[in-house]
């Protein structure tokens, strides 16, 4: 209903109300009826407009309340997500520490616990620095095995008073006498990271030509050579190339080993300083 209709209807109602004062009593009911007939659309329109305005206001309030609830729910969801992430990290940390403590308690070796405090970004897989030196343990020295509960990490290099360097298993300067679990193939494990585009891998080499080994076999230390005790896990055979003209020719054959320890995520390690 347009604004002009409201205006005209209002004028008519006012005029009839004023005229009613000057008419006789007998004419007033008729005038009142005419006034109601004329004004009823006006009252209906005013009520409709009032309802619409109230509905719009209620809608605005509802939208505002929903937006506030949505913001609150988003913040609550973010908080719960952060708490779940922290709890998962704490569970992993607890499991890892329990594994380390169990390994230390069950081991037949004297183990010195250490934490990795530095690694060279340009030489990521070759060496790390740990927070232990000869001031922490008089038995700590170079060329001692460094292990975790999962297997061999490498061996100690230069030893300082409060920190030491660890040469990792995949460095070419770390050489270990090894044997495969099932085929009993014996050879020397050497680092091969530089040959594998930075992927932390080792090679088992100098294996007798007639000895075969398979992918998936675990590889352990033999105890020969004096540096590493026997039966420490090194890793798993990843590649076992067959004898051919271009590979494994001559008197020996080679294979590729994936280390048992996740070397790119080292945190705590143990140095084997002797036997209990």
C-alpha atoms as a PDB file:
ATOM      1  CA  UNK A   1       0.000   0.000   0.000  1.00  0.00           C
ATOM      2  CA  UNK A   2       1.533   3.322  -1.101  1.00  0.00           C
ATOM      3  CA  UNK A   3       2.325   6.282   1.136  1.00  0.00           C
ATOM      4  CA  UNK A   4      -0.275   8.505  -0.650  1.00  0.00           C
ATOM      5  CA  UNK A   5      -3.071   6.076   0.151  1.00  0.00           C
ATOM      6  CA  UNK A   6      -2.143   6.214   3.848  1.00  0.00           C
ATOM      7  CA  UNK A   7      -2.047   9.996   3.714  1.00  0.00           C
ATOM      8  CA  UNK A   8      -5.423  10.351   1.993  1.00  0.00           C
ATOM      9  CA  UNK A   9      -7.076   7.794   4.230  1.00  0.00           C
ATOM     10  CA  UNK A  10      -5.732   9.541   7.316  1.00  0.00           C
ATOM     11  CA  UNK A  11      -7.120  12.901   6.126  1.00  0.00           C
ATOM     12  CA  UNK A  12     -10.539  11.377   5.512  1.00  0.00           C
ATOM     13  CA  UNK A  13     -10.585   9.774   8.957  1.00  0.00           C
ATOM     14  CA  UNK A  14      -9.609  13.077  10.598  1.00  0.00           C
ATOM     15  CA  UNK A  15     -12.243  14.988   8.599  1.00  0.00           C
ATOM     16  CA  UNK A  16     -14.982  12.539   9.576  1.00  0.00           C
ATOM     17  CA  UNK A  17     -13.896  12.698  13.223  1.00  0.00           C
ATOM     18  CA  UNK A  18     -14.085  16.495  13.193  1.00  0.00           C
ATOM     19  CA  UNK A  19     -17.409  16.497  11.345  1.00  0.00           C
ATOM     20  CA  UNK A  20     -18.857  14.129  13.889  1.00  0.00           C
ATOM     21  CA  UNK A  21     -18.852  16.870  16.522  1.00  0.00           C
ATOM     22  CA  UNK A  22     -21.317  18.964  14.484  1.00  0.00           C
ATOM     23  CA  UNK A  23     -23.746  16.211  13.410  1.00  0.00           C
ATOM     24  CA  UNK A  24     -26.829  15.113  15.361  1.00  0.00           C
ATOM     25  CA  UNK A  25     -26.608  12.021  17.579  1.00  0.00           C
ATOM     26  CA  UNK A  26     -28.719   9.959  15.171  1.00  0.00           C
ATOM     27  CA  UNK A  27     -26.139  10.391  12.382  1.00  0.00           C
ATOM     28  CA  UNK A  28     -23.112   9.477  14.465  1.00  0.00           C
ATOM     29  CA  UNK A  29     -23.436   5.652  14.121  1.00  0.00           C
ATOM     30  CA  UNK A  30     -23.534   5.999  10.346  1.00  0.00           C
ATOM     31  CA  UNK A  31     -20.522   8.307  10.349  1.00  0.00           C
ATOM     32  CA  UNK A  32     -18.669   5.921  12.678  1.00  0.00           C
ATOM     33  CA  UNK A  33     -19.347   3.014  10.322  1.00  0.00           C
ATOM     34  CA  UNK A  34     -18.181   5.009   7.317  1.00  0.00           C
ATOM     35  CA  UNK A  35     -15.085   6.065   9.271  1.00  0.00           C
ATOM     36  CA  UNK A  36     -14.300   2.451  10.176  1.00  0.00           C
ATOM     37  CA  UNK A  37     -14.782   1.314   6.557  1.00  0.00           C
ATOM     38  CA  UNK A  38     -12.416   3.998   5.362  1.00  0.00           C
ATOM     39  CA  UNK A  39      -9.848   3.652   8.149  1.00  0.00           C
ATOM     40  CA  UNK A  40      -9.694  -0.147   8.310  1.00  0.00           C
ATOM     41  CA  UNK A  41      -7.292  -0.420   5.349  1.00  0.00           C
ATOM     42  CA  UNK A  42      -5.140   2.215   7.022  1.00  0.00           C
ATOM     43  CA  UNK A  43      -5.056   0.308  10.298  1.00  0.00           C
ATOM     44  CA  UNK A  44      -4.374  -2.950   8.436  1.00  0.00           C
ATOM     45  CA  UNK A  45      -1.550  -1.321   6.518  1.00  0.00           C
ATOM     46  CA  UNK A  46      -0.051   0.206   9.646  1.00  0.00           C
ATOM     47  CA  UNK A  47      -0.199  -3.172  11.396  1.00  0.00           C
ATOM     48  CA  UNK A  48       1.385  -4.867   8.385  1.00  0.00           C
ATOM     49  CA  UNK A  49       4.196  -2.291   8.324  1.00  0.00           C
ATOM     50  CA  UNK A  50       4.736  -2.653  12.081  1.00  0.00           C
ATOM     51  CA  UNK A  51       4.922  -6.427  11.775  1.00  0.00           C
ATOM     52  CA  UNK A  52       7.382  -6.140   8.889  1.00  0.00           C
ATOM     53  CA  UNK A  53       9.602  -3.706  10.790  1.00  0.00           C
ATOM     54  CA  UNK A  54       9.501  -5.908  13.873  1.00  0.00           C
ATOM     55  CA  UNK A  55      10.319  -8.937  11.727  1.00  0.00           C
ATOM     56  CA  UNK A  56      13.271  -7.165  10.145  1.00  0.00           C
ATOM     57  CA  UNK A  57      14.562  -6.122  13.572  1.00  0.00           C
ATOM     58  CA  UNK A  58      14.117  -9.647  14.885  1.00  0.00           C
ATOM     59  CA  UNK A  59      15.913 -10.949  11.804  1.00  0.00           C
ATOM     60  CA  UNK A  60      18.829  -8.586  12.384  1.00  0.00           C
ATOM     61  CA  UNK A  61      19.032  -9.644  16.008  1.00  0.00           C
ATOM     62  CA  UNK A  62      18.891 -13.311  15.003  1.00  0.00           C
ATOM     63  CA  UNK A  63      21.627 -12.883  12.383  1.00  0.00           C
ATOM     64  CA  UNK A  64      23.791 -11.022  14.889  1.00  0.00           C
ATOM     65  CA  UNK A  65      23.263 -13.758  17.482  1.00  0.00           C
ATOM     66  CA  UNK A  66      24.039 -16.471  14.908  1.00  0.00           C
ATOM     67  CA  UNK A  67      27.219 -14.686  13.844  1.00  0.00           C
ATOM     68  CA  UNK A  68      28.312 -14.406  17.473  1.00  0.00           C
ATOM     69  CA  UNK A  69      27.556 -18.108  18.033  1.00  0.00           C
ATOM     70  CA  UNK A  70      29.437 -19.000  14.867  1.00  0.00           C
ATOM     71  CA  UNK A  71      32.487 -17.019  15.966  1.00  0.00           C
ATOM     72  CA  UNK A  72      32.323 -18.671  19.375  1.00  0.00           C
ATOM     73  CA  UNK A  73      32.052 -22.144  17.815  1.00  0.00           C
ATOM     74  CA  UNK A  74      34.953 -21.457  15.453  1.00  0.00           C
ATOM     75  CA  UNK A  75      37.139 -20.349  18.376  1.00  0.00           C
ATOM     76  CA  UNK A  76      36.039 -23.332  20.451  1.00  0.00           C
ATOM     77  CA  UNK A  77      36.788 -25.701  17.573  1.00  0.00           C
ATOM     78  CA  UNK A  78      40.242 -24.158  17.142  1.00  0.00           C
ATOM     79  CA  UNK A  79      40.926 -24.499  20.864  1.00  0.00           C
ATOM     80  CA  UNK A  80      39.841 -28.141  20.924  1.00  0.00           C
ATOM     81  CA  UNK A  81      41.918 -28.861  17.824  1.00  0.00           C
ATOM     82  CA  UNK A  82      44.998 -27.346  19.454  1.00  0.00           C
ATOM     83  CA  UNK A  83      44.395 -29.331  22.648  1.00  0.00           C
ATOM     84  CA  UNK A  84      44.010 -32.574  20.682  1.00  0.00           C
ATOM     85  CA  UNK A  85      47.259 -31.891  18.825  1.00  0.00           C
ATOM     86  CA  UNK A  86      49.082 -31.247  22.100  1.00  0.00           C
ATOM     87  CA  UNK A  87      47.633 -34.427  23.641  1.00  0.00           C
ATOM     88  CA  UNK A  88      48.675 -36.520  20.613  1.00  0.00           C
ATOM     89  CA  UNK A  89      52.185 -35.070  20.799  1.00  0.00           C
ATOM     90  CA  UNK A  90      52.380 -35.795  24.514  1.00  0.00           C
ATOM     91  CA  UNK A  91      51.223 -39.375  23.939  1.00  0.00           C
ATOM     92  CA  UNK A  92      53.896 -39.879  21.272  1.00  0.00           C
ATOM     93  CA  UNK A  93      56.518 -38.329  23.532  1.00  0.00           C
ATOM     94  CA  UNK A  94      55.469 -40.535  26.445  1.00  0.00           C
ATOM     95  CA  UNK A  95      55.553 -43.664  24.295  1.00  0.00           C
ATOM     96  CA  UNK A  96      58.986 -42.768  22.933  1.00  0.00           C
ATOM     97  CA  UNK A  97      60.435 -42.110  26.388  1.00  0.00           C
ATOM     98  CA  UNK A  98      58.967 -45.343  27.751  1.00  0.00           C
ATOM     99  CA  UNK A  99      60.564 -47.220  24.857  1.00  0.00           C
ATOM    100  CA  UNK A 100      63.947 -45.615  25.587  1.00  0.00           C
ATOM    101  CA  UNK A 101      63.741 -46.363  29.311  1.00  0.00           C
ATOM    102  CA  UNK A 102      62.728 -49.956  28.677  1.00  0.00           C
ATOM    103  CA  UNK A 103      65.606 -50.416  26.235  1.00  0.00           C
ATOM    104  CA  UNK A 104      68.105 -48.960  28.707  1.00  0.00           C
ATOM    105  CA  UNK A 105      66.881 -51.141  31.555  1.00  0.00           C
ATOM    106  CA  UNK A 106      66.826 -54.357  29.482  1.00  0.00           C
ATOM    107  CA  UNK A 107      70.121 -53.806  27.690  1.00  0.00           C
ATOM    108  CA  UNK A 108      73.196 -55.791  28.651  1.00  0.00           C
ATOM    109  CA  UNK A 109      75.375 -52.783  27.809  1.00  0.00           C
ATOM    110  CA  UNK A 110      76.326 -49.704  29.783  1.00  0.00           C
ATOM    111  CA  UNK A 111      74.398 -46.946  28.050  1.00  0.00           C
ATOM    112  CA  UNK A 112      74.986 -43.207  28.370  1.00  0.00           C
ATOM    113  CA  UNK A 113      71.863 -41.241  27.436  1.00  0.00           C
ATOM    114  CA  UNK A 114      72.385 -38.151  25.260  1.00  0.00           C
ATOM    115  CA  UNK A 115      70.295 -35.601  23.425  1.00  0.00           C
ATOM    116  CA  UNK A 116      70.905 -34.341  19.892  1.00  0.00           C
ATOM    117  CA  UNK A 117      71.566 -30.606  20.115  1.00  0.00           C
ATOM    118  CA  UNK A 118      72.772 -29.730  16.626  1.00  0.00           C
ATOM    119  CA  UNK A 119      73.046 -30.977  13.069  1.00  0.00           C
ATOM    120  CA  UNK A 120      74.561 -29.370  10.010  1.00  0.00           C
ATOM    121  CA  UNK A 121      71.831 -28.456   7.463  1.00  0.00           C
ATOM    122  CA  UNK A 122      74.315 -28.815   4.592  1.00  0.00           C
ATOM    123  CA  UNK A 123      75.439 -32.229   5.829  1.00  0.00           C
ATOM    124  CA  UNK A 124      72.157 -33.392   7.361  1.00  0.00           C
ATOM    125  CA  UNK A 125      72.574 -37.174   7.256  1.00  0.00           C
ATOM    126  CA  UNK A 126      76.281 -37.438   7.986  1.00  0.00           C
ATOM    127  CA  UNK A 127      76.710 -36.258  11.587  1.00  0.00           C
ATOM    128  CA  UNK A 128      75.038 -34.741  14.646  1.00  0.00           C
ATOM    129  CA  UNK A 129      76.279 -33.172  17.867  1.00  0.00           C
ATOM    130  CA  UNK A 130      75.122 -34.543  21.236  1.00  0.00           C
ATOM    131  CA  UNK A 131      75.170 -32.968  24.691  1.00  0.00           C
ATOM    132  CA  UNK A 132      77.613 -35.427  26.262  1.00  0.00           C
ATOM    133  CA  UNK A 133      81.380 -35.236  26.646  1.00  0.00           C
ATOM    134  CA  UNK A 134      84.206 -36.793  28.633  1.00  0.00           C
ATOM    135  CA  UNK A 135      83.220 -34.631  31.631  1.00  0.00           C
ATOM    136  CA  UNK A 136      79.904 -36.543  31.807  1.00  0.00           C
ATOM    137  CA  UNK A 137      81.407 -40.021  31.658  1.00  0.00           C
ATOM    138  CA  UNK A 138      85.080 -40.950  31.869  1.00  0.00           C
ATOM    139  CA  UNK A 139      84.394 -44.019  29.704  1.00  0.00           C
ATOM    140  CA  UNK A 140      83.135 -41.929  26.769  1.00  0.00           C
ATOM    141  CA  UNK A 141      85.555 -42.100  23.833  1.00  0.00           C
ATOM    142  CA  UNK A 142      85.724 -42.047  20.039  1.00  0.00           C
ATOM    143  CA  UNK A 143      84.497 -44.979  17.911  1.00  0.00           C
ATOM    144  CA  UNK A 144      81.860 -46.124  20.400  1.00  0.00           C
ATOM    145  CA  UNK A 145      78.485 -47.352  19.087  1.00  0.00           C
ATOM    146  CA  UNK A 146      75.569 -44.919  19.226  1.00  0.00           C
ATOM    147  CA  UNK A 147      72.145 -46.564  19.281  1.00  0.00           C
ATOM    148  CA  UNK A 148      68.449 -46.150  20.017  1.00  0.00           C
ATOM    149  CA  UNK A 149      65.821 -48.726  20.925  1.00  0.00           C
ATOM    150  CA  UNK A 150      65.258 -49.228  17.170  1.00  0.00           C
ATOM    151  CA  UNK A 151      68.852 -49.961  16.194  1.00  0.00           C
ATOM    152  CA  UNK A 152      72.223 -48.431  15.316  1.00  0.00           C
ATOM    153  CA  UNK A 153      72.571 -44.691  14.773  1.00  0.00           C
ATOM    154  CA  UNK A 154      76.325 -44.551  14.128  1.00  0.00           C
ATOM    155  CA  UNK A 155      79.467 -44.108  16.184  1.00  0.00           C
ATOM    156  CA  UNK A 156      81.116 -41.364  18.206  1.00  0.00           C
ATOM    157  CA  UNK A 157      83.637 -39.146  16.481  1.00  0.00           C
ATOM    158  CA  UNK A 158      85.472 -36.296  18.164  1.00  0.00           C
ATOM    159  CA  UNK A 159      84.698 -36.143  21.899  1.00  0.00           C
ATOM    160  CA  UNK A 160      84.789 -32.813  23.737  1.00  0.00           C
ATOM    161  CA  UNK A 161      84.380 -31.937  27.374  1.00  0.00           C
ATOM    162  CA  UNK A 162      80.644 -31.216  27.219  1.00  0.00           C
ATOM    163  CA  UNK A 163      79.640 -32.253  23.674  1.00  0.00           C
ATOM    164  CA  UNK A 164      80.573 -34.884  21.108  1.00  0.00           C
ATOM    165  CA  UNK A 165      80.173 -35.519  17.418  1.00  0.00           C
ATOM    166  CA  UNK A 166      78.317 -38.608  16.198  1.00  0.00           C
ATOM    167  CA  UNK A 167      79.127 -39.992  12.751  1.00  0.00           C
ATOM    168  CA  UNK A 168      75.872 -41.381  11.420  1.00  0.00           C
ATOM    169  CA  UNK A 169      75.416 -44.823   9.968  1.00  0.00           C
ATOM    170  CA  UNK A 170      74.901 -43.484   6.440  1.00  0.00           C
ATOM    171  CA  UNK A 171      78.222 -41.599   6.362  1.00  0.00           C
ATOM    172  CA  UNK A 172      80.817 -43.330   4.185  1.00  0.00           C
ATOM    173  CA  UNK A 173      83.318 -43.145   7.051  1.00  0.00           C
ATOM    174  CA  UNK A 174      81.129 -45.410   9.205  1.00  0.00           C
ATOM    175  CA  UNK A 175      81.915 -49.039   8.351  1.00  0.00           C
ATOM    176  CA  UNK A 176      80.355 -52.001  10.158  1.00  0.00           C
ATOM    177  CA  UNK A 177      80.852 -55.739   9.832  1.00  0.00           C
ATOM    178  CA  UNK A 178      77.372 -57.198   9.219  1.00  0.00           C
ATOM    179  CA  UNK A 179      75.396 -60.350   8.509  1.00  0.00           C
ATOM    180  CA  UNK A 180      71.900 -60.852   7.086  1.00  0.00           C
ATOM    181  CA  UNK A 181      69.342 -62.585   9.288  1.00  0.00           C
ATOM    182  CA  UNK A 182      68.179 -65.471   7.091  1.00  0.00           C
ATOM    183  CA  UNK A 183      70.768 -66.096   4.393  1.00  0.00           C
ATOM    184  CA  UNK A 184      73.664 -65.317   6.758  1.00  0.00           C
ATOM    185  CA  UNK A 185      75.352 -63.315   4.040  1.00  0.00           C
ATOM    186  CA  UNK A 186      78.343 -61.515   5.524  1.00  0.00           C
ATOM    187  CA  UNK A 187      79.717 -58.211   4.341  1.00  0.00           C
ATOM    188  CA  UNK A 188      80.628 -54.667   5.255  1.00  0.00           C
ATOM    189  CA  UNK A 189      77.970 -51.951   5.664  1.00  0.00           C
ATOM    190  CA  UNK A 190      79.046 -48.495   4.502  1.00  0.00           C
ATOM    191  CA  UNK A 191      77.176 -45.233   4.110  1.00  0.00           C
ATOM    192  CA  UNK A 192      75.734 -44.423   0.690  1.00  0.00           C
ATOM    193  CA  UNK A 193      73.720 -41.234   1.221  1.00  0.00           C
ATOM    194  CA  UNK A 194      75.753 -39.147  -1.222  1.00  0.00           C
ATOM    195  CA  UNK A 195      75.005 -41.711  -3.943  1.00  0.00           C
ATOM    196  CA  UNK A 196      71.237 -41.679  -3.309  1.00  0.00           C
ATOM    197  CA  UNK A 197      70.252 -38.020  -3.730  1.00  0.00           C
ATOM    198  CA  UNK A 198      70.350 -37.418   0.011  1.00  0.00           C
ATOM    199  CA  UNK A 199      68.145 -40.388   0.939  1.00  0.00           C
ATOM    200  CA  UNK A 200      69.575 -41.987   4.096  1.00  0.00           C
ATOM    201  CA  UNK A 201      70.704 -45.396   2.840  1.00  0.00           C
ATOM    202  CA  UNK A 202      73.620 -47.780   3.288  1.00  0.00           C
ATOM    203  CA  UNK A 203      75.272 -50.413   1.113  1.00  0.00           C
ATOM    204  CA  UNK A 204      76.251 -53.893   2.127  1.00  0.00           C
ATOM    205  CA  UNK A 205      79.289 -54.768   0.091  1.00  0.00           C
ATOM    206  CA  UNK A 206      81.999 -57.406  -0.143  1.00  0.00           C
ATOM    207  CA  UNK A 207      79.384 -60.163   0.107  1.00  0.00           C
ATOM    208  CA  UNK A 208      80.630 -63.430  -1.389  1.00  0.00           C
ATOM    209  CA  UNK A 209      79.365 -63.814  -4.964  1.00  0.00           C
ATOM    210  CA  UNK A 210      77.766 -67.189  -4.357  1.00  0.00           C
ATOM    211  CA  UNK A 211      75.816 -65.941  -1.316  1.00  0.00           C
ATOM    212  CA  UNK A 212      72.308 -64.703  -2.039  1.00  0.00           C
ATOM    213  CA  UNK A 213      70.197 -62.437   0.155  1.00  0.00           C
ATOM    214  CA  UNK A 214      66.658 -61.129  -0.295  1.00  0.00           C
ATOM    215  CA  UNK A 215      64.732 -57.893   0.038  1.00  0.00           C
ATOM    216  CA  UNK A 216      63.185 -57.597   3.508  1.00  0.00           C
ATOM    217  CA  UNK A 217      65.965 -59.444   5.364  1.00  0.00           C
ATOM    218  CA  UNK A 218      67.173 -57.712   8.490  1.00  0.00           C
ATOM    219  CA  UNK A 219      70.865 -56.961   8.868  1.00  0.00           C
ATOM    220  CA  UNK A 220      72.748 -57.190  12.182  1.00  0.00           C
ATOM    221  CA  UNK A 221      76.253 -56.489  13.434  1.00  0.00           C
ATOM    222  CA  UNK A 222      78.630 -59.449  13.643  1.00  0.00           C
ATOM    223  CA  UNK A 223      80.764 -58.118  16.485  1.00  0.00           C
ATOM    224  CA  UNK A 224      83.915 -58.398  14.355  1.00  0.00           C
ATOM    225  CA  UNK A 225      86.239 -55.431  14.213  1.00  0.00           C
ATOM    226  CA  UNK A 226      85.857 -54.452  17.842  1.00  0.00           C
ATOM    227  CA  UNK A 227      83.838 -51.241  17.481  1.00  0.00           C
ATOM    228  CA  UNK A 228      80.289 -52.631  17.410  1.00  0.00           C
ATOM    229  CA  UNK A 229      79.034 -55.512  19.591  1.00  0.00           C
ATOM    230  CA  UNK A 230      77.262 -58.397  17.901  1.00  0.00           C
ATOM    231  CA  UNK A 231      73.518 -58.601  17.200  1.00  0.00           C
ATOM    232  CA  UNK A 232      72.729 -54.875  16.989  1.00  0.00           C
ATOM    233  CA  UNK A 233      70.136 -54.150  14.312  1.00  0.00           C
ATOM    234  CA  UNK A 234      71.436 -52.086  11.387  1.00  0.00           C
ATOM    235  CA  UNK A 235      68.490 -52.073   9.000  1.00  0.00           C
ATOM    236  CA  UNK A 236      66.622 -53.997   6.311  1.00  0.00           C
ATOM    237  CA  UNK A 237      67.640 -55.018   2.805  1.00  0.00           C
ATOM    238  CA  UNK A 238      65.896 -52.644   0.403  1.00  0.00           C
ATOM    239  CA  UNK A 239      67.504 -53.757  -2.858  1.00  0.00           C
ATOM    240  CA  UNK A 240      69.174 -57.059  -3.717  1.00  0.00           C
ATOM    241  CA  UNK A 241      70.250 -56.773  -7.374  1.00  0.00           C
ATOM    242  CA  UNK A 242      70.769 -60.098  -9.178  1.00  0.00           C
ATOM    243  CA  UNK A 243      74.100 -61.045 -10.660  1.00  0.00           C
ATOM    244  CA  UNK A 244      74.578 -59.442 -14.047  1.00  0.00           C
ATOM    245  CA  UNK A 245      77.211 -58.030 -16.352  1.00  0.00           C
ATOM    246  CA  UNK A 246      76.759 -54.459 -15.112  1.00  0.00           C
ATOM    247  CA  UNK A 247      75.981 -55.135 -11.425  1.00  0.00           C
ATOM    248  CA  UNK A 248      77.500 -57.468  -8.862  1.00  0.00           C
ATOM    249  CA  UNK A 249      80.225 -58.643 -11.192  1.00  0.00           C
ATOM    250  CA  UNK A 250      83.584 -59.941  -9.985  1.00  0.00           C
ATOM    251  CA  UNK A 251      84.105 -61.799  -6.726  1.00  0.00           C
ATOM    252  CA  UNK A 252      81.505 -59.927  -4.664  1.00  0.00           C
ATOM    253  CA  UNK A 253      77.945 -58.688  -4.765  1.00  0.00           C
ATOM    254  CA  UNK A 254      76.307 -55.613  -3.178  1.00  0.00           C
ATOM    255  CA  UNK A 255      72.911 -54.606  -1.821  1.00  0.00           C
ATOM    256  CA  UNK A 256      71.119 -51.529  -0.459  1.00  0.00           C
ATOM    257  CA  UNK A 257      70.069 -51.223   3.192  1.00  0.00           C
ATOM    258  CA  UNK A 258      67.429 -48.961   4.703  1.00  0.00           C
ATOM    259  CA  UNK A 259      68.488 -48.036   8.274  1.00  0.00           C
ATOM    260  CA  UNK A 260      66.243 -49.208  11.094  1.00  0.00           C
ATOM    261  CA  UNK A 261      66.494 -45.830  12.831  1.00  0.00           C
ATOM    262  CA  UNK A 262      64.777 -42.750  11.412  1.00  0.00           C
ATOM    263  CA  UNK A 263      67.949 -40.675  11.146  1.00  0.00           C
ATOM    264  CA  UNK A 264      66.250 -37.469  10.021  1.00  0.00           C
ATOM    265  CA  UNK A 265      64.301 -37.263  13.283  1.00  0.00           C
ATOM    266  CA  UNK A 266      66.861 -38.051  15.969  1.00  0.00           C
ATOM    267  CA  UNK A 267      66.215 -36.630  19.423  1.00  0.00           C
ATOM    268  CA  UNK A 268      67.651 -38.904  22.119  1.00  0.00           C
ATOM    269  CA  UNK A 269      70.349 -41.549  21.670  1.00  0.00           C
ATOM    270  CA  UNK A 270      72.517 -43.874  23.774  1.00  0.00           C
ATOM    271  CA  UNK A 271      76.278 -44.316  23.626  1.00  0.00           C
ATOM    272  CA  UNK A 272      77.464 -47.833  24.358  1.00  0.00           C
ATOM    273  CA  UNK A 273      80.348 -47.272  26.776  1.00  0.00           C
ATOM    274  CA  UNK A 274      80.841 -50.879  27.874  1.00  0.00           C
ATOM    275  CA  UNK A 275      79.144 -53.997  29.185  1.00  0.00           C
ATOM    276  CA  UNK A 276      77.129 -54.105  32.400  1.00  0.00           C
END
